Protein backbone atom coordinates (compact mmCIF):
# COMPACT_ATOMS: atom_id res chain seq x y z
CA MET A 1 0.00 0.00 0.00
CA LEU A 2 1.27 3.48 -0.81
CA ARG A 3 1.38 5.82 2.15
CA LEU A 4 1.51 9.59 1.87
CA PHE A 5 4.18 11.14 4.08
CA ILE A 6 4.73 14.89 4.55
CA VAL A 7 7.68 15.50 6.86
CA SER A 8 8.82 18.83 8.31
CA LEU A 9 12.12 19.23 10.14
CA SER A 10 13.03 22.40 11.98
CA SER A 11 16.28 23.57 13.57
CA LEU A 12 18.03 20.21 13.82
CA ALA A 13 20.37 19.88 16.77
CA LEU A 14 23.35 18.73 14.73
CA LEU A 15 26.20 20.84 15.99
CA VAL A 16 29.63 19.66 14.97
CA MET A 17 32.58 21.60 13.59
CA LEU A 18 33.69 20.74 10.09
CA GLN A 19 36.12 23.55 9.43
CA HIS A 20 36.55 27.12 10.58
CA ALA A 21 36.59 30.38 8.73
CA GLU A 22 38.92 33.28 9.50
CA ALA A 23 36.41 35.91 10.56
CA SER A 24 35.36 36.11 14.20
CA GLY A 25 31.58 35.92 13.63
CA THR A 26 29.29 35.29 16.61
CA ALA A 27 30.82 36.47 19.89
CA SER A 28 31.83 33.96 22.52
CA GLY A 29 29.09 33.34 25.11
CA THR A 30 26.24 33.67 22.61
CA LEU A 31 23.47 31.14 23.28
CA ILE A 32 22.22 29.05 20.32
CA SER A 33 19.28 26.66 20.66
CA ASN A 34 18.05 23.95 18.27
CA VAL A 35 14.99 21.68 18.42
CA ALA A 36 14.15 18.90 15.97
CA THR A 37 10.44 18.49 15.17
CA ILE A 38 9.03 15.97 12.69
CA THR A 39 5.40 16.21 11.61
CA TYR A 40 3.91 13.79 9.11
CA SER A 41 0.72 12.17 7.82
CA ILE A 42 -0.16 8.57 6.97
CA ASP A 43 -2.92 8.06 4.40
CA GLN A 44 -3.62 11.81 4.77
CA VAL A 45 -4.23 11.37 8.51
CA ALA A 46 -2.06 13.67 10.64
CA GLN A 47 0.00 11.88 13.27
CA ASP A 48 1.34 13.17 16.56
CA PRO A 49 4.56 15.15 15.99
CA ILE A 50 7.91 13.84 17.18
CA THR A 51 9.94 16.50 18.99
CA SER A 52 13.44 16.22 20.37
CA GLY A 53 14.58 17.95 23.53
CA ALA A 54 16.10 21.39 23.14
CA ALA A 55 19.81 21.32 22.39
CA THR A 56 21.45 24.54 23.54
CA PHE A 57 25.06 25.60 23.71
CA LEU A 58 27.18 28.65 24.33
CA VAL A 59 29.54 29.70 21.58
CA ASP A 60 33.10 28.98 22.70
CA ASN A 61 36.07 31.36 22.90
CA MET A 62 37.74 30.80 19.55
CA VAL A 63 41.46 31.61 19.82
CA ASN A 64 42.82 32.31 16.37
CA LEU A 65 45.45 34.80 15.25
CA THR A 66 47.73 35.59 12.35
CA VAL A 67 51.15 37.23 12.32
CA ALA A 68 52.34 38.44 8.90
CA GLU A 69 55.33 40.34 7.61
CA THR A 70 54.28 43.21 5.38
CA SER A 71 56.93 43.80 2.72
CA GLY A 72 57.43 40.49 0.93
CA THR A 73 61.18 41.08 0.94
CA PHE A 74 64.09 41.87 3.26
CA THR A 75 64.76 45.21 4.89
CA THR A 76 67.99 46.30 3.24
CA VAL A 77 70.88 47.99 5.01
CA GLY A 78 74.00 49.52 3.57
CA VAL A 79 77.29 47.70 3.86
CA ALA A 80 78.49 50.50 6.14
CA SER A 81 77.78 48.78 9.49
CA GLY A 82 76.65 49.76 12.94
CA THR A 83 73.18 51.09 12.12
CA VAL A 84 70.80 50.97 15.11
CA ASP A 85 67.05 50.39 15.33
CA VAL A 86 66.55 49.26 11.75
CA ILE A 87 62.86 48.45 11.27
CA THR A 88 61.03 45.43 9.94
CA THR A 89 57.24 45.61 10.03
CA PHE A 90 54.68 42.94 10.94
CA THR A 91 50.94 42.81 11.57
CA VAL A 92 49.05 40.82 14.22
CA THR A 93 45.36 40.07 13.57
CA ASN A 94 42.81 38.70 16.05
CA ASN A 95 40.85 36.20 13.94
CA GLY A 96 38.97 34.94 17.00
CA ASN A 97 35.69 36.03 18.57
CA THR A 98 36.94 37.37 21.92
CA LEU A 99 38.96 40.38 23.12
CA GLN A 100 42.58 39.22 23.61
CA ASP A 101 46.02 40.40 24.73
CA TYR A 102 49.18 39.24 22.93
CA VAL A 103 52.76 38.87 24.16
CA LEU A 104 55.36 39.60 21.46
CA THR A 105 58.69 37.80 21.14
CA VAL A 106 61.45 38.45 18.60
CA GLY A 107 63.41 35.39 17.47
CA GLN A 108 66.66 34.94 15.54
CA GLY A 109 67.06 32.77 12.48
CA GLU A 110 69.43 29.85 12.50
CA ASN A 111 72.47 29.80 10.25
CA GLY A 112 71.60 28.15 6.95
CA GLN A 113 67.86 28.86 6.98
CA SER A 114 66.43 30.42 3.83
CA LEU A 115 63.91 33.19 3.19
CA PHE A 116 63.13 35.21 0.05
CA GLY A 117 65.70 33.17 -1.85
CA LYS A 118 68.60 34.05 0.48
CA THR A 119 70.31 32.26 3.37
CA ASP A 120 70.82 33.42 6.96
CA ASN A 121 74.50 33.76 7.93
CA PHE A 122 74.63 36.19 10.87
CA ASP A 123 72.56 37.48 13.82
CA VAL A 124 71.43 41.05 14.34
CA ILE A 125 71.68 42.44 17.88
CA GLY A 126 69.58 44.33 20.43
CA CYS A 127 66.20 43.44 18.92
CA ASN A 128 62.92 44.56 20.47
CA SER A 129 59.36 45.07 19.30
CA VAL A 130 56.87 47.91 19.80
CA VAL A 131 53.20 48.29 18.89
CA GLU A 132 52.00 51.13 16.69
CA SER A 133 49.77 53.44 18.71
CA GLY A 134 47.70 54.46 15.71
CA THR A 135 48.03 58.17 16.44
CA ASN A 136 50.25 58.70 13.40
CA PRO A 137 51.15 56.17 10.69
CA GLY A 138 54.68 54.85 10.50
CA TYR A 139 57.09 54.25 13.37
CA GLN A 140 56.99 57.15 15.84
CA PRO A 141 59.59 56.65 18.63
CA LEU A 142 57.75 58.89 21.10
CA GLU A 143 54.32 57.38 20.41
CA ASP A 144 54.93 53.71 19.60
CA THR A 145 56.18 52.46 22.95
CA ALA A 146 53.83 49.62 23.97
CA THR A 147 55.62 46.28 24.25
CA PHE A 148 52.52 44.05 24.15
CA ILE A 149 49.19 44.22 22.31
CA ASP A 150 46.46 45.23 24.73
CA GLU A 151 42.73 44.47 24.32
CA LEU A 152 42.73 43.60 20.63
CA ALA A 153 39.14 43.18 19.45
CA PRO A 154 38.03 40.46 17.02
CA ASP A 155 38.85 41.10 13.34
CA ILE A 156 41.18 44.00 14.24
CA THR A 157 44.83 44.20 13.10
CA LYS A 158 47.71 45.88 14.89
CA THR A 159 51.03 46.92 13.33
CA VAL A 160 54.18 45.85 15.17
CA TYR A 161 57.66 47.23 14.50
CA VAL A 162 60.70 45.05 15.15
CA LEU A 163 63.81 47.16 15.68
CA CYS A 164 67.26 45.56 15.51
CA SER A 165 70.82 46.91 15.39
CA MET A 166 73.42 45.86 12.85
CA PRO A 167 76.72 44.38 14.03
CA SER A 168 80.04 45.63 12.69
CA ASN A 169 82.13 44.14 9.88
CA GLN A 170 79.36 42.60 7.78
CA VAL A 171 79.90 42.32 4.05
CA ASN A 172 77.76 42.65 0.96
CA ASP A 173 74.96 40.03 0.64
CA ASP A 174 75.02 39.00 4.33
CA VAL A 175 71.55 38.03 5.58
CA SER A 176 69.95 37.84 9.02
CA ILE A 177 66.48 36.34 9.44
CA VAL A 178 64.26 37.36 12.38
CA SER A 179 60.77 36.32 13.43
CA LEU A 180 57.92 37.82 15.43
CA LEU A 181 55.91 35.44 17.63
CA ALA A 182 52.58 36.49 19.17
CA THR A 183 51.21 34.46 22.11
CA THR A 184 47.58 34.80 23.18
CA HIS A 185 46.73 36.00 26.71
CA THR A 186 43.32 36.74 28.16
CA GLY A 187 41.93 40.22 27.64
CA GLY A 188 39.40 42.18 29.63
CA LEU A 189 41.49 44.57 31.71
CA ALA A 190 42.90 47.50 29.74
CA GLY A 191 46.52 48.39 30.42
CA THR A 192 47.33 45.05 32.06
CA MET A 193 48.62 41.90 30.42
CA GLY A 194 46.17 39.07 31.01
CA LEU A 195 46.96 35.49 31.93
CA LEU A 196 48.42 33.10 29.39
CA SER A 197 45.56 31.47 27.49
CA SER A 198 45.26 27.71 27.63
CA ALA A 199 42.90 25.45 25.72
CA ASP A 200 40.31 23.44 27.64
CA THR A 201 41.19 19.76 27.42
CA ASP A 202 37.98 18.29 28.83
CA ALA A 203 35.07 17.14 26.71
CA ASP A 204 32.81 19.85 25.40
CA VAL A 205 30.37 21.28 27.93
CA ALA A 206 27.42 22.88 26.20
CA ASP A 207 26.63 25.46 28.91
CA GLU A 208 30.21 26.66 29.38
CA VAL A 209 32.30 29.02 27.30
CA GLN A 210 35.42 26.96 26.70
CA VAL A 211 38.70 28.03 25.15
CA VAL A 212 39.33 26.47 21.74
CA PHE A 213 42.62 26.95 19.88
CA ILE A 214 42.18 26.86 16.10
CA ASP A 215 45.25 28.84 14.99
CA ALA A 216 47.25 27.43 12.09
CA SER A 217 50.87 26.38 12.01
CA ALA A 218 53.09 29.32 11.09
CA GLY A 219 55.66 27.37 9.07
CA ASP A 220 58.34 29.29 10.95
CA PRO A 221 61.42 27.31 12.11
CA GLN A 222 62.36 29.96 14.68
CA ALA A 223 59.08 29.78 16.57
CA ASP A 224 56.80 27.05 17.90
CA ASN A 225 55.61 25.56 14.63
CA THR A 226 52.66 23.71 16.18
CA ALA A 227 49.10 24.37 15.07
CA ARG A 228 46.38 25.07 17.67
CA ASN A 229 48.65 26.39 20.42
CA GLY A 230 47.44 29.99 20.72
CA GLN A 231 50.54 31.29 18.93
CA HIS A 232 51.47 32.40 15.46
CA SER A 233 54.59 33.89 13.91
CA SER A 234 56.12 35.16 10.71
CA ARG A 235 59.61 35.83 9.40
CA ASP A 236 61.38 38.79 7.86
CA GLY A 237 64.98 39.89 7.98
CA TYR A 238 67.85 42.14 7.00
CA TRP A 239 70.04 42.07 3.93
CA TYR A 240 73.37 43.88 3.62
CA THR A 241 73.75 45.35 0.15
CA GLN A 242 75.64 48.17 -1.49
CA THR A 243 72.33 49.62 -2.59
CA ALA A 244 70.28 49.95 0.58
CA CYS A 245 66.76 50.25 -0.79
CA ASN A 246 65.04 51.18 2.44
CA ASN A 247 67.68 53.55 3.80
CA LEU A 248 69.09 56.84 2.59
CA ASN A 249 72.68 56.68 1.43
CA THR A 250 75.01 58.81 3.52
CA VAL A 251 78.15 59.49 1.44
CA ALA A 252 78.54 63.24 1.14
CA GLY A 253 80.98 65.24 -0.96
CA ALA A 254 81.45 65.50 -4.70
CA GLN A 255 81.42 62.33 -6.78
CA ASP A 256 84.15 62.32 -9.45
CA LEU A 257 83.40 59.89 -12.27
CA GLN A 258 85.78 59.12 -15.13
CA PRO A 259 85.76 56.29 -17.67
CA GLY A 260 88.40 54.41 -15.73
CA VAL A 261 86.08 53.80 -12.73
CA SER A 262 83.10 52.54 -14.69
CA ILE A 263 81.78 49.04 -13.97
CA ALA A 264 80.74 48.34 -17.56
CA SER A 265 81.06 49.80 -21.05
CA GLY A 266 80.31 48.78 -24.63
CA PRO A 267 80.17 49.71 -28.31
CA GLU A 268 76.36 49.79 -28.64
CA ASN A 269 75.00 53.15 -29.76
CA ASP A 270 71.22 52.67 -29.81
CA THR A 271 69.63 53.48 -26.42
CA THR A 272 67.28 50.48 -26.48
CA THR A 273 70.18 48.16 -27.23
CA ILE A 274 72.27 49.68 -24.45
CA LEU A 275 69.45 49.21 -21.91
CA SER A 276 69.08 45.59 -23.00
CA THR A 277 72.84 45.06 -22.65
CA ILE A 278 72.97 46.42 -19.09
CA SER A 279 69.68 44.83 -17.97
CA GLY A 280 71.59 42.09 -16.16
CA LEU A 281 73.06 44.79 -13.91
CA ILE A 282 70.23 47.28 -13.45
CA GLY A 283 67.47 44.67 -13.35
CA THR A 284 64.18 46.43 -12.63
CA ASP A 285 65.75 49.74 -11.54
CA THR A 286 64.00 52.74 -13.07
CA GLU A 287 65.39 55.69 -15.03
CA THR A 288 64.58 58.48 -12.57
CA TYR A 289 66.52 61.24 -14.31
CA LYS A 290 67.71 61.67 -17.90
CA ASP A 291 69.31 64.62 -19.67
CA ASP A 292 69.62 64.61 -23.47
CA GLN A 293 72.39 67.14 -24.08
CA GLY A 294 70.77 70.00 -25.90
CA ASP A 295 67.34 68.33 -25.94
CA GLY A 296 65.93 68.67 -22.41
CA GLU A 297 65.40 66.60 -19.25
CA GLU A 298 63.09 63.68 -18.43
CA GLY A 299 62.10 61.56 -15.43
CA SER A 300 60.47 62.06 -12.05
CA ALA A 301 63.53 63.90 -10.67
CA LYS A 302 63.98 66.32 -13.57
CA GLU A 303 62.92 69.31 -11.43
CA SER A 304 65.53 68.49 -8.77
CA TYR A 305 68.75 68.56 -10.83
CA SER A 306 70.49 70.58 -13.49
CA ILE A 307 73.49 69.72 -15.69
CA THR A 308 76.20 72.03 -16.95
CA TYR A 309 78.49 70.71 -19.72
CA ASN A 310 82.06 71.88 -20.36
CA GLN A 311 83.03 73.48 -23.64
CA ASP A 312 84.04 70.34 -25.56
CA LEU A 313 81.25 68.24 -24.01
CA SER A 314 83.76 65.75 -22.55
CA GLY A 315 82.56 66.48 -19.01
CA ALA A 316 79.66 67.83 -16.99
CA GLU A 317 78.43 68.63 -13.48
CA ILE A 318 75.16 67.31 -12.07
CA VAL A 319 73.90 69.67 -9.35
CA TRP A 320 71.02 69.20 -6.91
CA ASP A 321 68.74 72.25 -6.61
CA GLY A 322 68.71 72.14 -2.78
CA ALA A 323 64.98 71.64 -2.25
CA PRO A 324 64.40 69.77 1.07
CA ASP A 325 63.17 66.19 0.72
CA ASN A 326 63.33 66.46 -3.06
CA TYR A 327 66.27 64.36 -4.16
CA ILE A 328 67.01 60.81 -5.28
CA THR A 329 67.21 58.62 -2.16
CA GLU A 330 67.86 55.19 -3.68
CA PRO A 331 70.38 55.70 -6.52
CA SER A 332 71.89 52.65 -8.17
CA TYR A 333 73.62 53.40 -11.48
CA LEU A 334 74.60 56.31 -13.74
CA LEU A 335 74.90 55.88 -17.52
CA VAL A 336 76.97 58.18 -19.75
CA LYS A 337 76.36 57.78 -23.50
CA GLY A 338 78.46 59.28 -26.30
CA GLY A 339 78.38 59.28 -30.08
CA GLU A 340 79.93 57.03 -32.69
CA GLN A 341 82.79 55.85 -30.50
CA ASP A 342 83.96 52.55 -29.01
CA PRO A 343 83.14 52.35 -26.16
CA SER A 344 79.99 54.30 -26.82
CA TRP A 345 78.72 54.19 -23.21
CA TYR A 346 79.93 53.77 -19.61
CA LEU A 347 77.96 52.56 -16.57
CA PHE A 348 78.86 53.61 -13.02
CA ASP A 349 77.76 52.24 -9.63
CA ILE A 350 76.53 55.27 -7.65
CA SER A 351 74.77 53.36 -4.88
CA SER A 352 76.79 55.24 -2.24
CA TRP A 353 75.72 58.67 -3.53
CA ASP A 354 73.49 60.61 -1.10
CA GLY A 355 71.50 62.26 -3.89
CA MET A 356 72.58 65.77 -2.89
CA ALA A 357 76.33 65.99 -3.53
CA THR A 358 77.50 67.26 -6.90
CA ILE A 359 78.54 64.61 -9.43
CA SER A 360 81.43 65.64 -11.68
CA LEU A 361 82.07 63.86 -14.99
CA SER A 362 85.33 64.28 -16.89
CA GLY A 363 87.51 62.67 -19.53
CA PHE A 364 84.80 61.30 -21.84
CA TRP A 365 85.99 61.08 -25.46
CA PRO A 366 88.08 64.31 -25.35
CA GLY A 367 88.75 65.57 -28.87
CA LYS A 368 86.90 62.61 -30.41
CA GLY A 369 83.29 63.01 -29.45
CA SER A 370 80.94 64.29 -26.79
CA ILE A 371 78.50 63.25 -24.07
CA SER A 372 75.10 62.90 -25.72
CA HIS A 373 73.01 61.95 -22.70
CA ILE A 374 73.21 61.06 -19.00
CA SER A 375 70.78 58.79 -17.08
CA ILE A 376 70.45 58.11 -13.36
CA PHE A 377 68.68 54.89 -12.29
CA ASN A 378 66.77 54.45 -9.05
CA ALA A 379 67.01 51.14 -7.16
CA GLN A 380 63.95 48.90 -7.12
CA ALA A 381 65.81 45.89 -5.76
CA CYS A 382 69.08 45.83 -3.91
CA ASP A 383 70.92 43.63 -6.38
CA GLY A 384 68.99 44.80 -9.40
CA PHE A 385 66.61 41.82 -9.29
CA LEU A 386 63.44 41.51 -7.27
CA PRO A 387 63.15 38.25 -5.27
CA ARG A 388 60.96 35.65 -6.97
CA SER A 389 58.40 33.55 -5.17
CA ILE A 390 55.22 31.57 -5.78
CA LYS A 391 52.10 32.09 -3.70
CA TYR A 392 49.57 29.27 -3.46
CA ASP A 393 45.95 30.45 -3.14
CA TRP A 394 43.23 27.92 -2.37
CA ALA A 395 39.67 27.86 -3.66
CA ASP A 396 38.48 26.43 -0.34
CA PRO A 397 39.05 29.48 1.92
CA ASP A 398 38.37 27.64 5.18
CA ASN A 399 41.25 25.24 4.62
CA ASN A 400 44.80 25.47 5.80
CA PRO A 401 46.59 26.94 2.73
CA ALA A 402 48.30 23.60 2.01
CA THR A 403 45.31 21.25 2.05
CA PHE A 404 43.14 19.63 -0.61
CA SER A 405 39.98 18.34 1.08
CA GLU A 406 37.72 15.62 -0.23
CA ALA A 407 34.27 16.56 -1.48
CA TYR A 408 31.48 16.39 1.06
CA ALA A 409 29.97 13.57 -0.99
CA ASN A 410 32.78 11.38 0.41
CA ASP A 411 33.41 9.90 -3.05
CA GLY A 412 37.17 10.36 -3.27
CA SER A 413 36.95 13.46 -5.46
CA ILE A 414 38.71 16.77 -4.77
CA PRO A 415 36.61 19.77 -5.86
CA PHE A 416 39.11 22.47 -4.90
CA VAL A 417 41.71 24.11 -7.15
CA SER A 418 44.88 25.93 -6.06
CA THR A 419 46.09 29.01 -7.95
CA LEU A 420 49.86 29.53 -8.21
CA THR A 421 50.97 33.14 -8.67
CA ILE A 422 54.58 34.01 -9.49
CA ARG A 423 56.08 37.30 -8.27
CA ASN A 424 58.72 39.14 -10.33
CA ASP A 425 58.86 36.62 -13.15
CA THR A 426 56.52 34.98 -15.66
CA PHE A 427 55.64 31.40 -16.57
CA THR A 428 56.72 30.01 -19.93
CA GLY A 429 54.46 28.25 -22.44
CA ALA A 430 50.97 28.87 -23.77
CA ASN A 431 47.94 29.74 -21.68
CA GLY A 432 45.58 26.80 -21.25
CA GLU A 433 48.37 24.28 -21.76
CA ALA A 434 50.23 22.13 -19.22
CA LEU A 435 52.69 24.23 -17.20
CA SER A 436 56.14 23.73 -18.71
CA GLY A 437 58.60 21.82 -16.55
CA GLY A 438 56.07 21.15 -13.79
CA VAL A 439 55.88 17.76 -12.07
CA VAL A 440 53.50 16.67 -9.28
CA SER A 441 54.38 13.55 -7.31
CA ASN A 442 53.00 11.47 -4.41
CA VAL A 443 49.51 11.68 -5.91
CA PRO A 444 46.96 9.28 -4.29
CA PRO A 445 45.93 6.41 -6.63
CA GLY A 446 42.86 7.21 -8.69
CA LEU A 447 43.59 10.96 -8.75
CA THR A 448 45.47 12.79 -11.51
CA ALA A 449 47.36 16.02 -10.80
CA VAL A 450 46.95 18.72 -13.46
CA LEU A 451 49.17 21.82 -13.64
CA THR A 452 47.83 24.35 -16.15
CA LYS A 453 49.19 27.74 -17.17
CA THR A 454 46.32 30.26 -17.00
CA GLY A 455 48.23 33.53 -17.49
CA ASP A 456 51.67 35.08 -17.63
CA THR A 457 51.92 34.98 -13.85
CA THR A 458 49.29 32.37 -12.89
CA ALA A 459 48.76 28.64 -13.07
CA THR A 460 46.37 26.19 -11.43
CA LEU A 461 46.86 22.88 -9.66
CA SER A 462 43.90 20.50 -9.56
CA LEU A 463 43.33 16.85 -8.69
CA THR A 464 40.89 15.15 -11.06
CA GLY A 465 39.22 11.76 -10.79
CA ASN A 466 38.29 9.79 -7.67
CA ALA A 467 40.75 8.31 -5.20
CA THR A 468 40.46 4.54 -5.05
CA ALA A 469 41.07 4.59 -1.28
CA HIS A 470 39.75 7.62 0.57
CA ALA A 471 39.36 6.88 4.27
CA ASN A 472 41.16 8.90 6.93
CA ALA A 473 43.94 6.32 6.91
CA ASN A 474 44.68 7.27 3.30
CA ASP A 475 45.40 10.96 4.05
CA ILE A 476 48.78 12.20 2.86
CA ALA A 477 50.86 15.24 3.81
CA ASN A 478 53.51 15.16 1.09
CA LEU A 479 51.86 15.89 -2.24
CA THR A 480 54.80 17.54 -4.00
CA VAL A 481 55.02 20.21 -6.71
CA SER A 482 58.40 20.51 -8.46
CA LEU A 483 58.96 23.30 -10.98
CA SER A 484 62.11 23.39 -13.10
CA ASP A 485 64.18 26.03 -14.87
CA ALA A 486 61.97 25.50 -17.94
CA THR A 487 58.94 26.75 -15.98
CA PHE A 488 60.24 30.31 -15.59
CA THR A 489 61.11 32.97 -18.12
CA LEU A 490 64.19 33.88 -16.05
CA GLY A 491 65.06 30.21 -15.42
CA ASN A 492 66.99 29.26 -12.25
CA ALA A 493 64.14 27.56 -10.38
CA ALA A 494 66.42 27.08 -7.37
CA SER A 495 66.12 30.80 -6.59
CA VAL A 496 62.30 30.82 -6.70
CA THR A 497 60.69 30.38 -3.29
CA GLY A 498 57.89 27.83 -3.65
CA ALA A 499 59.19 26.23 -6.85
CA PHE A 500 59.55 23.07 -4.79
CA LYS A 501 56.70 22.46 -2.34
CA ASN A 502 56.42 19.07 -0.64
CA ASP A 503 53.97 19.66 2.21
CA ILE A 504 50.60 19.74 0.46
CA VAL A 505 47.96 17.75 2.36
CA VAL A 506 45.23 15.62 0.81
CA ASP A 507 42.61 15.18 3.53
CA PHE A 508 39.96 12.50 3.00
CA ILE A 509 36.63 12.46 4.87
CA ASP A 510 35.63 9.42 6.92
CA TRP A 511 32.42 10.17 8.77
CA PRO A 512 31.50 8.04 11.74
CA VAL A 513 27.78 8.40 12.49
CA LEU A 514 26.14 9.26 15.80
CA ASP A 515 22.33 9.02 16.09
CA LEU A 516 20.38 11.93 17.51
CA ILE A 517 17.05 10.25 16.81
CA PRO A 518 17.78 6.59 15.99
CA THR A 519 17.44 5.70 12.31
CA ILE A 520 16.07 9.13 11.43
CA ILE A 521 18.72 11.83 12.02
CA HIS A 522 22.49 11.42 12.15
CA ILE A 523 25.34 13.69 13.05
CA GLN A 524 28.16 13.42 10.56
CA TYR A 525 31.52 14.06 12.14
CA PRO A 526 34.16 15.24 9.67
CA SER A 527 37.78 14.16 9.42
CA SER A 528 38.91 17.04 11.64
CA CYS A 529 37.17 15.40 14.61
CA GLY A 530 38.70 11.97 14.24
CA LYS A 531 42.09 10.37 13.87
CA GLY A 532 42.86 10.61 17.57
CA ARG A 533 42.88 14.39 17.63
CA ASN A 534 41.89 16.44 20.66
CA LYS A 535 38.14 16.73 21.13
CA LYS A 536 38.55 20.47 20.88
CA ASP A 537 38.86 19.89 17.13
CA CYS A 538 35.07 19.41 17.24
CA GLU A 539 34.14 22.45 19.33
CA LEU A 540 31.46 24.87 18.24
CA VAL A 541 32.91 28.20 17.22
CA PRO A 542 31.97 30.92 14.71
CA GLY A 543 32.71 29.77 11.20
CA SER A 544 32.12 26.10 12.03
CA ILE A 545 30.31 24.34 9.21
CA LEU A 546 27.73 21.87 10.50
CA THR A 547 26.66 18.91 8.39
CA TYR A 548 23.02 17.88 8.72
CA GLN A 549 22.17 14.31 7.63
CA ILE A 550 18.63 12.96 7.58
CA GLU A 551 18.18 9.23 6.93
CA MET A 552 14.77 7.57 6.57
CA PRO A 553 14.64 3.77 6.55
CA VAL A 554 11.55 2.82 4.53
CA THR A 555 9.59 -0.21 5.72
CA ASP A 556 6.76 0.22 3.23
CA ASP A 557 6.33 1.83 -0.14
CA ILE A 558 5.62 5.54 0.27
CA GLU A 559 4.61 8.30 -2.10
CA GLY A 560 4.65 12.09 -1.92
CA LEU A 561 7.41 12.43 0.70
CA ILE A 562 8.41 16.11 1.12
CA ILE A 563 10.98 17.19 3.68
CA THR A 564 11.50 20.82 4.64
CA ASN A 565 14.07 22.31 6.97
CA PRO A 566 14.26 26.04 7.81
CA ILE A 567 17.80 27.21 8.59
CA ALA A 568 18.10 28.00 12.29
CA THR A 569 18.75 31.43 13.79
CA ASN A 570 22.46 32.36 13.93
CA MET A 571 23.10 29.92 11.10
CA THR A 572 23.71 30.48 7.37
CA TYR A 573 23.03 27.88 4.70
CA VAL A 574 26.08 26.79 2.64
CA SER A 575 25.25 27.29 -1.03
CA ASP A 576 24.87 24.18 -3.21
CA SER A 577 25.51 21.80 -0.29
CA ILE A 578 22.42 19.61 -0.76
CA PHE A 579 23.10 15.95 -1.56
CA VAL A 580 20.19 13.50 -1.99
CA ASN A 581 21.23 9.85 -1.66
CA GLY A 582 24.79 11.00 -2.33
CA VAL A 583 23.96 12.96 -5.50
CA ALA A 584 24.59 16.71 -5.59
CA LYS A 585 21.60 18.96 -6.17
CA THR A 586 21.32 22.60 -7.09
CA ASP A 587 19.71 25.31 -4.99
CA ALA A 588 17.56 26.47 -7.90
CA ILE A 589 13.86 25.69 -8.25
CA ASP A 590 14.18 23.16 -11.04
CA SER A 591 13.62 19.48 -11.77
CA ASP A 592 16.38 17.97 -9.63
CA SER A 593 14.07 17.25 -6.61
CA ALA A 594 15.76 19.69 -4.21
CA GLU A 595 15.90 23.44 -3.73
CA PHE A 596 16.76 26.20 -1.29
CA SER A 597 14.02 28.79 -1.03
CA ASN A 598 12.95 31.30 1.64
CA ASN A 599 15.87 30.24 3.85
CA THR A 600 14.54 26.65 3.78
CA VAL A 601 15.96 23.41 2.38
CA ILE A 602 13.23 21.50 0.51
CA VAL A 603 13.64 17.89 -0.70
CA ILE A 604 10.91 16.18 -2.76
CA ALA A 605 11.46 12.45 -2.44
CA GLY A 606 8.57 11.24 -4.60
CA ILE A 607 7.96 7.48 -4.62
CA ILE A 608 10.30 5.40 -2.44
CA THR A 609 10.39 1.61 -2.44
CA ALA A 610 10.26 -0.36 0.80
CA THR A 611 13.43 -1.77 2.39
CA THR A 612 15.50 1.18 1.08
CA THR A 613 16.94 4.12 3.02
CA PHE A 614 16.29 7.63 1.79
CA SER A 615 18.83 10.21 2.93
CA PHE A 616 19.98 13.71 2.24
CA THR A 617 22.58 16.09 3.65
CA PHE A 618 23.14 19.82 3.65
CA GLN A 619 25.36 22.25 5.52
CA ALA A 620 25.02 25.44 7.53
CA THR A 621 27.57 27.72 9.14
CA ILE A 622 27.49 29.20 12.65
CA ASN A 623 27.53 32.96 12.11
């Protein structure tokens, strides 16, 4: 006999963390309540509703923070040593949902560690950190004096300056790596450092606000590199170079330049050809000032300098006009070009010039030619080349940025795609084709890794197919991307940070099932709750994605089964998360038997045969 069932489910009490988002969301201590109610009819006769007890909980204190360096490259210092209080800049962000204090600790790199394509080989001295007050931007010695971050609200970022002094007798290209570590302490009392925060280790208590650490590993060898410990850190450092990009040069007095002290010269006469010839030296440095003898000045500094040539045009003087704060502060090279001579041009290293002293030129082609133009280049990178690196961005924003997670359908597929972006270089090959020289290894059986060039500076990494084994025991943490010299326009993959990455995680879902109402409603625990991890991995915090699973064992043929579920208060439905009997459905009102409308999940089961189990899942996020 066919029986007509109409089933309504409201506010299911299925409260388990899948993964967390970065934003703070609902404040700790907020009360959320869920009740499951099922109403139905048999042969069009209404039956008594089935109602679960109220499931209430308080939102926990989600401890999550991020420390980040801000420049993407080293702070550069001139080879002249002994500079004090040289600044590197970091930010500390409270990604949690509770007011917090943070203790700041500066760490030293270990000899041999690498960052930004260079290797640590010395330690800076006298390091300390101070917090920007916010009164005026930039480091202000009289204002920025706080040594810890006090009462940082959720989703707020503070700037921290690390100040270190440079030891004597360092040489060009020496590198010192430093790190900033922030450790969470309890907030609540302005002006006073709170107690060190510690995560609750007991089982979850619904009516208590417990402390849950969800911070990510920092990937920083100097600091505690453990995830979920209430700490985070980032690295930056100092690089000795003859062209100190972030510091004014200090050599005063006239600069006397003659052909004999040039660092390069050549027979080329065409300006474009000359620039191409010297590109290996000047790299990305810009032409800030240019004077075409007899034909005017160009460049951003043209109003700050004037040139006077001697009678036979074999020499000249470059004079600053004396305007305060209006001079070249990061000079790198000076080019003198002549006429039809060999050499036709000379290049000089002027990285020690202070931008204000007069530059005197003499002895250029006397009696045989003349200076035709003079160019001054401004440093954009301390060695003429910007550091190259690859950033991996992940389509699944709630994941650790080195994780591919299995689809919620638990079918061994990986729906997420990583975007690789190269800084200060370009990828070779044609867009839409396989990325040249790229190899991906340690790929789980059944999946195929695909590296595709999508633009001059972008490529994607995806895993297609379905893993043949996809339980928790089959997780891996060493999916490896190896890019070769052939991948990059500038070659030399060894100098590209991220060209070799061997710590990508493939995380498979293996959901044990816990009944809330036997045989009707199940709680699906995700992989983050299992595998022997601390129970705090399953705490309820803002950003947690809860998986609702409804299973209906059918003991008789039924027809006209409709299931509706309004999304509970303080929850947000996850778009396109409906699966019916393991098959994905769209949110649109169409013919696929499921829809999301008026903040309600609606599933139209139709005719179901006895002795089968009808099930569907969807997801919602705690706001």
